Amino acid sequence: MISRRQTREYLLQSLYARAHLSTYDRDIFLWAFFSGENTVELDTAYLTTMEDLIITHERTLIDMIALLAPKFEIDTLPVLHILILMISLTELIYWTWEAIPESVSANEAIELAKRFSDEQGKGFINGALSTFLKDREKIKLGVKEGTFKVFG
């Protein structure tokens, strides 16, 4: 059975590998991820589209995250938290295939933080997304693409 939640988990791990490996090959990562116990079917259309959207809009997404977390320097935030926010913000702003309710996108981001981070990370993700949902237009207008990049 295809699971969107598990596809998001895979997407997060794939993006994390992409951010930390000097050479990243999605096919090799996919093979390594699914050798052994992992037999989940991924939503490949969602996965491919989301990866493309995140890479294409990386700078804008990072700048939005900086606006959502003004007390933090973006380059000191854990990459994992940045990636979780990038996934959720991409669903909220750029995803156009089918409607993903805002509450689902935010809740899924919090679930990713619960699984892969800690209480502080979960709180940070929750706070940043709450701010975005309240002040979406103000955040979008404040975007000035910076130089920080997650991916190469």
Protein backbone atom coordinates (compact mmCIF):
# COMPACT_ATOMS: atom_id res chain seq x y z
CA MET A 1 0.00 0.00 0.00
CA ILE A 2 1.30 3.45 -0.90
CA SER A 3 1.82 5.62 2.16
CA ARG A 4 2.19 9.40 1.87
CA ARG A 5 3.51 9.58 5.46
CA GLN A 6 6.24 7.05 4.71
CA THR A 7 6.98 8.81 1.45
CA ARG A 8 7.51 12.04 3.43
CA GLU A 9 9.86 10.17 5.77
CA TYR A 10 11.80 8.85 2.81
CA LEU A 11 11.84 12.32 1.23
CA LEU A 12 13.28 13.80 4.42
CA GLN A 13 15.99 11.15 4.62
CA SER A 14 16.80 11.51 0.94
CA LEU A 15 17.08 15.30 1.23
CA TYR A 16 19.24 14.89 4.34
CA ALA A 17 21.58 12.55 2.43
CA ARG A 18 21.65 14.99 -0.50
CA ALA A 19 22.61 17.82 1.88
CA HIS A 20 25.46 15.85 3.47
CA LEU A 21 26.97 13.80 0.65
CA SER A 22 29.34 15.32 -1.86
CA THR A 23 27.94 13.02 -4.54
CA TYR A 24 24.31 12.02 -4.29
CA ASP A 25 22.66 9.45 -6.52
CA ARG A 26 18.93 9.06 -5.86
CA ASP A 27 18.82 5.57 -7.41
CA ILE A 28 21.63 4.31 -5.18
CA PHE A 29 19.99 5.88 -2.13
CA LEU A 30 16.65 4.31 -3.07
CA TRP A 31 18.27 0.89 -3.50
CA ALA A 32 20.12 1.18 -0.16
CA PHE A 33 16.99 2.38 1.63
CA PHE A 34 14.88 -0.52 0.43
CA SER A 35 17.38 -3.35 0.68
CA GLY A 36 16.33 -5.45 3.64
CA GLU A 37 13.25 -4.80 5.75
CA ASN A 38 11.78 -1.73 4.07
CA THR A 39 9.09 -2.88 1.67
CA VAL A 40 6.85 0.17 1.59
CA GLU A 41 5.61 1.46 -1.74
CA LEU A 42 6.39 5.12 -2.17
CA ASP A 43 4.18 7.71 -3.81
CA THR A 44 6.75 8.29 -6.54
CA ALA A 45 4.82 11.10 -8.25
CA TYR A 46 4.67 13.02 -4.97
CA LEU A 47 8.30 12.20 -4.17
CA THR A 48 9.70 13.27 -7.53
CA THR A 49 7.62 16.44 -7.72
CA MET A 50 8.40 17.46 -4.15
CA GLU A 51 12.14 16.89 -4.63
CA ASP A 52 12.10 19.00 -7.78
CA LEU A 53 10.06 21.77 -6.13
CA ILE A 54 12.28 21.88 -3.05
CA ILE A 55 15.49 22.02 -5.09
CA THR A 56 14.04 24.65 -7.45
CA HIS A 57 12.77 26.89 -4.63
CA GLU A 58 15.55 26.20 -2.11
CA ARG A 59 16.67 29.80 -1.67
CA THR A 60 13.13 31.19 -1.30
CA LEU A 61 12.20 28.46 1.19
CA ILE A 62 15.33 29.08 3.26
CA ASP A 63 14.64 32.80 3.33
CA MET A 64 11.08 32.13 4.50
CA ILE A 65 12.44 29.91 7.26
CA ALA A 66 14.80 32.70 8.30
CA LEU A 67 11.80 35.04 8.52
CA LEU A 68 9.86 32.46 10.54
CA ALA A 69 12.73 32.08 13.01
CA PRO A 70 14.16 35.58 13.43
CA LYS A 71 15.87 34.72 16.74
CA PHE A 72 18.11 32.19 15.00
CA GLU A 73 20.88 32.47 12.45
CA ILE A 74 19.82 30.24 9.56
CA ASP A 75 23.27 28.66 9.27
CA THR A 76 23.10 27.51 12.92
CA LEU A 77 19.71 25.80 12.65
CA PRO A 78 19.83 22.01 12.42
CA VAL A 79 19.58 21.02 8.77
CA LEU A 80 16.97 18.44 9.74
CA HIS A 81 14.64 21.20 10.99
CA ILE A 82 15.22 23.24 7.85
CA LEU A 83 14.39 20.22 5.68
CA ILE A 84 11.19 19.41 7.59
CA LEU A 85 10.06 23.01 7.17
CA MET A 86 11.03 22.96 3.50
CA ILE A 87 8.81 19.92 2.94
CA SER A 88 5.82 21.47 4.69
CA LEU A 89 6.25 24.92 3.14
CA THR A 90 6.56 23.36 -0.30
CA GLU A 91 3.28 21.52 0.22
CA LEU A 92 1.64 24.72 1.46
CA ILE A 93 2.94 27.02 -1.28
CA TYR A 94 4.04 25.13 -4.38
CA TRP A 95 2.19 21.78 -4.40
CA THR A 96 -0.63 21.89 -6.98
CA TRP A 97 -1.47 18.26 -7.81
CA GLU A 98 -4.23 17.77 -5.30
CA ALA A 99 -5.26 19.69 -2.23
CA ILE A 100 -3.29 18.91 0.91
CA PRO A 101 -5.11 20.56 3.81
CA GLU A 102 -2.92 22.99 5.75
CA SER A 103 -3.58 21.08 8.96
CA VAL A 104 -2.40 17.82 7.37
CA SER A 105 0.81 19.39 6.10
CA ALA A 106 1.55 21.01 9.48
CA ASN A 107 0.69 17.84 11.42
CA GLU A 108 2.86 15.71 9.15
CA ALA A 109 5.78 18.09 9.71
CA ILE A 110 5.31 17.78 13.46
CA GLU A 111 5.18 13.97 13.12
CA LEU A 112 8.49 14.09 11.19
CA ALA A 113 9.97 16.17 14.00
CA LYS A 114 8.67 13.72 16.62
CA ARG A 115 10.22 10.81 14.78
CA PHE A 116 13.55 12.34 13.73
CA SER A 117 14.18 15.17 16.20
CA ASP A 118 13.43 16.01 19.83
CA GLU A 119 10.90 18.06 21.82
CA GLN A 120 12.71 21.31 21.03
CA GLY A 121 12.71 20.49 17.34
CA LYS A 122 9.02 19.62 17.45
CA GLY A 123 8.27 22.91 19.21
CA PHE A 124 10.37 24.87 16.74
CA ILE A 125 8.64 23.28 13.73
CA ASN A 126 5.22 23.83 15.28
CA GLY A 127 5.95 27.47 16.08
CA ALA A 128 7.41 28.25 12.67
CA LEU A 129 4.48 26.69 10.82
CA SER A 130 1.94 28.39 13.10
CA THR A 131 3.59 31.72 12.33
CA PHE A 132 3.54 30.98 8.61
CA LEU A 133 -0.14 30.01 8.63
CA LYS A 134 -1.04 33.21 10.50
CA ASP A 135 1.17 35.60 8.50
CA ARG A 136 1.56 33.84 5.14
CA GLU A 137 1.27 36.90 2.91
CA LYS A 138 3.54 39.03 5.11
CA ILE A 139 6.17 36.25 5.10
CA LYS A 140 5.97 35.85 1.31
CA LEU A 141 6.39 39.60 0.81
CA GLY A 142 9.44 39.69 3.10
CA VAL A 143 11.43 37.15 1.11
CA LYS A 144 14.83 38.38 -0.05
CA GLU A 145 16.88 35.49 -1.31
CA GLY A 146 20.01 35.09 0.76
CA THR A 147 23.15 33.13 0.06
CA PHE A 148 22.74 30.20 2.48
CA LYS A 149 22.12 26.88 0.73
CA VAL A 150 21.39 23.40 2.05
CA PHE A 151 22.16 21.57 -1.18
CA GLY A 152 25.63 21.95 -2.64
